[in-house]
Structure formats: C-alpha cells, structure tokens
Amino acid sequence: MKIRWRLRTAAAQREVWTGTELRRLLAEKAGLELSSASVSALFTKEPSQVKMTTLAALCTALECTPNDLIEIDTTPVERPVVPPRPVADVPKAAGSSRSRSMPPL
C-alpha cells in the first residue's frame, strides 16, 4: 500500500502557489491559524499523520475533498511464496510404549 500527499498539486490546481497564500486561506475560510513552519511542512513534505481538523480545514480552504489531497494505492503487496517448513519427527521416550492419559479434573 502506498500513500501520496497531494496538497501541493491540489493547491496549484486552485492557483494557490505559496505557503503564505495557503496560510491566509486557512485563516479566512476555515478559521484555522497555523504557523508558517507548519504550513510550509504540509506544503513541502509528506506528513506521517494529519489531524482530521487540519484535513477538514485544508478541504474547506481549497474547496476540495480528502481524495484530492491523499492518494492511496490499495494494491496488495505481493510476497514470495515460502514453502512450509517440514515438521521434525518427535523422538519417542525410551522404555515407554504406553501413552499417558491426562489426569482427571
């Protein structure tokens, strides 16, 4: 599974070219005040996690959906087929040919 953060593309499609413009839109349209560093990080890096409130604010500011911001490839990862391990023979106890039963409960 692969996840791609597409904020920069979604913003560019809406003619938002800089973090400063995005920060202003977030404040005006969504009421979210983020630091310049936070907006810059969202704009230039792929985040490992995003708060739902931030995602909602981005969608409001850019008039888009989460699908415009996050691309998820759910193709299953192919793993090589590993043959099962052979089960080793368990040696029998010497001198005992009877099996033992469980004690009564």
C-alpha atoms as a PDB file:
ATOM      1  CA  MET A   1       0.000   0.000   0.000  1.00  0.00           C
ATOM      2  CA  LYS A   2       1.325   3.439  -0.925  1.00  0.00           C
ATOM      3  CA  ILE A   3       0.071   6.820   0.206  1.00  0.00           C
ATOM      4  CA  ARG A   4       0.868  10.051  -1.645  1.00  0.00           C
ATOM      5  CA  TRP A   5       0.306  13.500  -0.183  1.00  0.00           C
ATOM      6  CA  ARG A   6      -1.021  15.694  -2.971  1.00  0.00           C
ATOM      7  CA  LEU A   7      -1.521  19.050  -1.229  1.00  0.00           C
ATOM      8  CA  ARG A   8       0.888  20.899  -3.492  1.00  0.00           C
ATOM      9  CA  THR A   9      -0.873  19.604  -6.630  1.00  0.00           C
ATOM     10  CA  ALA A  10      -4.356  20.321  -5.262  1.00  0.00           C
ATOM     11  CA  ALA A  11      -3.294  23.841  -4.263  1.00  0.00           C
ATOM     12  CA  ALA A  12      -1.689  24.521  -7.653  1.00  0.00           C
ATOM     13  CA  GLN A  13      -4.864  23.412  -9.451  1.00  0.00           C
ATOM     14  CA  ARG A  14      -6.629  26.148  -7.473  1.00  0.00           C
ATOM     15  CA  GLU A  15      -3.851  28.660  -8.197  1.00  0.00           C
ATOM     16  CA  VAL A  16      -2.500  28.653  -4.660  1.00  0.00           C
ATOM     17  CA  TRP A  17       1.242  28.711  -5.200  1.00  0.00           C
ATOM     18  CA  THR A  18       2.819  29.544  -1.843  1.00  0.00           C
ATOM     19  CA  GLY A  19       2.550  28.555   1.780  1.00  0.00           C
ATOM     20  CA  THR A  20       1.716  32.176   2.617  1.00  0.00           C
ATOM     21  CA  GLU A  21      -1.325  32.075   0.335  1.00  0.00           C
ATOM     22  CA  LEU A  22      -2.438  28.746   1.794  1.00  0.00           C
ATOM     23  CA  ARG A  23      -1.982  30.031   5.349  1.00  0.00           C
ATOM     24  CA  ARG A  24      -4.152  33.085   4.550  1.00  0.00           C
ATOM     25  CA  LEU A  25      -6.870  30.873   3.011  1.00  0.00           C
ATOM     26  CA  LEU A  26      -6.830  28.551   6.030  1.00  0.00           C
ATOM     27  CA  ALA A  27      -7.363  31.507   8.355  1.00  0.00           C
ATOM     28  CA  GLU A  28     -10.007  33.246   6.209  1.00  0.00           C
ATOM     29  CA  LYS A  29     -12.109  30.323   5.002  1.00  0.00           C
ATOM     30  CA  ALA A  30     -11.608  27.684   7.699  1.00  0.00           C
ATOM     31  CA  GLY A  31     -10.692  29.712  10.773  1.00  0.00           C
ATOM     32  CA  LEU A  32      -7.507  27.688  11.307  1.00  0.00           C
ATOM     33  CA  GLU A  33      -4.398  29.570  12.399  1.00  0.00           C
ATOM     34  CA  LEU A  34      -1.248  27.574  11.644  1.00  0.00           C
ATOM     35  CA  SER A  35       2.330  28.743  11.971  1.00  0.00           C
ATOM     36  CA  SER A  36       4.320  29.479   8.837  1.00  0.00           C
ATOM     37  CA  ALA A  37       6.549  26.490   9.641  1.00  0.00           C
ATOM     38  CA  SER A  38       3.545  24.141   9.934  1.00  0.00           C
ATOM     39  CA  VAL A  39       2.079  25.264   6.620  1.00  0.00           C
ATOM     40  CA  SER A  40       5.484  25.024   4.972  1.00  0.00           C
ATOM     41  CA  ALA A  41       5.901  21.466   6.277  1.00  0.00           C
ATOM     42  CA  LEU A  42       2.462  20.483   4.955  1.00  0.00           C
ATOM     43  CA  PHE A  43       3.263  22.080   1.613  1.00  0.00           C
ATOM     44  CA  THR A  44       6.732  20.599   1.095  1.00  0.00           C
ATOM     45  CA  LYS A  45       6.833  17.257   2.954  1.00  0.00           C
ATOM     46  CA  GLU A  46       4.692  14.155   3.103  1.00  0.00           C
ATOM     47  CA  PRO A  47       3.319  14.063   6.653  1.00  0.00           C
ATOM     48  CA  SER A  48       3.256  10.799   8.591  1.00  0.00           C
ATOM     49  CA  GLN A  49      -0.056  11.855  10.135  1.00  0.00           C
ATOM     50  CA  VAL A  50      -2.577  14.667   9.718  1.00  0.00           C
ATOM     51  CA  LYS A  51      -5.191  15.740  12.244  1.00  0.00           C
ATOM     52  CA  MET A  52      -8.738  15.390  10.988  1.00  0.00           C
ATOM     53  CA  THR A  53      -9.407  19.043  11.852  1.00  0.00           C
ATOM     54  CA  THR A  54      -6.418  20.105   9.723  1.00  0.00           C
ATOM     55  CA  LEU A  55      -7.578  17.910   6.850  1.00  0.00           C
ATOM     56  CA  ALA A  56     -11.075  19.385   7.068  1.00  0.00           C
ATOM     57  CA  ALA A  57      -9.649  22.918   7.143  1.00  0.00           C
ATOM     58  CA  LEU A  58      -7.481  22.230   4.085  1.00  0.00           C
ATOM     59  CA  CYS A  59     -10.515  20.893   2.233  1.00  0.00           C
ATOM     60  CA  THR A  60     -12.566  23.944   3.219  1.00  0.00           C
ATOM     61  CA  ALA A  61      -9.820  26.418   2.278  1.00  0.00           C
ATOM     62  CA  LEU A  62      -9.106  24.776  -1.081  1.00  0.00           C
ATOM     63  CA  GLU A  63     -12.719  23.765  -1.766  1.00  0.00           C
ATOM     64  CA  CYS A  64     -11.726  20.159  -2.358  1.00  0.00           C
ATOM     65  CA  THR A  65     -12.226  16.706  -0.885  1.00  0.00           C
ATOM     66  CA  PRO A  66      -9.799  14.489   1.052  1.00  0.00           C
ATOM     67  CA  ASN A  67      -9.457  12.407  -2.146  1.00  0.00           C
ATOM     68  CA  ASP A  68      -7.872  15.458  -3.788  1.00  0.00           C
ATOM     69  CA  LEU A  69      -5.247  15.634  -1.031  1.00  0.00           C
ATOM     70  CA  ILE A  70      -4.485  11.985  -0.357  1.00  0.00           C
ATOM     71  CA  GLU A  71      -3.895   9.317  -2.975  1.00  0.00           C
ATOM     72  CA  ILE A  72      -3.983   5.786  -1.614  1.00  0.00           C
ATOM     73  CA  ASP A  73      -2.867   2.769  -3.618  1.00  0.00           C
ATOM     74  CA  THR A  74      -4.523  -0.247  -2.010  1.00  0.00           C
ATOM     75  CA  THR A  75      -2.978  -2.817  -4.342  1.00  0.00           C
ATOM     76  CA  PRO A  76      -1.977  -5.790  -2.181  1.00  0.00           C
ATOM     77  CA  VAL A  77       1.743  -6.273  -1.795  1.00  0.00           C
ATOM     78  CA  GLU A  78       2.916  -9.459  -3.468  1.00  0.00           C
ATOM     79  CA  ARG A  79       5.040 -11.578  -1.195  1.00  0.00           C
ATOM     80  CA  PRO A  80       7.126 -14.506  -2.389  1.00  0.00           C
ATOM     81  CA  VAL A  81       5.616 -17.881  -1.631  1.00  0.00           C
ATOM     82  CA  VAL A  82       7.625 -19.556   1.110  1.00  0.00           C
ATOM     83  CA  PRO A  83       7.271 -23.333   1.271  1.00  0.00           C
ATOM     84  CA  PRO A  84       6.121 -24.606   4.668  1.00  0.00           C
ATOM     85  CA  ARG A  85       8.796 -25.934   6.979  1.00  0.00           C
ATOM     86  CA  PRO A  86       8.901 -29.702   7.361  1.00  0.00           C
ATOM     87  CA  VAL A  87       7.773 -30.901  10.776  1.00  0.00           C
ATOM     88  CA  ALA A  88      10.592 -32.653  12.592  1.00  0.00           C
ATOM     89  CA  ASP A  89       9.887 -36.123  13.943  1.00  0.00           C
ATOM     90  CA  VAL A  90       9.481 -36.074  17.702  1.00  0.00           C
ATOM     91  CA  PRO A  91      11.607 -38.804  19.292  1.00  0.00           C
ATOM     92  CA  LYS A  92       9.731 -41.286  21.474  1.00  0.00           C
ATOM     93  CA  ALA A  93      10.729 -41.654  25.116  1.00  0.00           C
ATOM     94  CA  ALA A  94      12.965 -44.660  25.686  1.00  0.00           C
ATOM     95  CA  GLY A  95      11.381 -47.597  27.508  1.00  0.00           C
ATOM     96  CA  SER A  96       7.825 -46.271  27.348  1.00  0.00           C
ATOM     97  CA  SER A  97       5.486 -47.708  24.755  1.00  0.00           C
ATOM     98  CA  ARG A  98       2.280 -46.646  26.515  1.00  0.00           C
ATOM     99  CA  SER A  99       0.892 -43.194  26.102  1.00  0.00           C
ATOM    100  CA  ARG A 100      -0.046 -41.333  29.227  1.00  0.00           C
ATOM    101  CA  SER A 101      -3.539 -40.019  29.741  1.00  0.00           C
ATOM    102  CA  MET A 102      -4.429 -36.679  31.227  1.00  0.00           C
ATOM    103  CA  PRO A 103      -5.150 -36.573  34.962  1.00  0.00           C
ATOM    104  CA  PRO A 104      -8.835 -36.338  35.968  1.00  0.00           C
ATOM    105  CA  LEU A 105     -10.324 -32.893  36.541  1.00  0.00           C
END
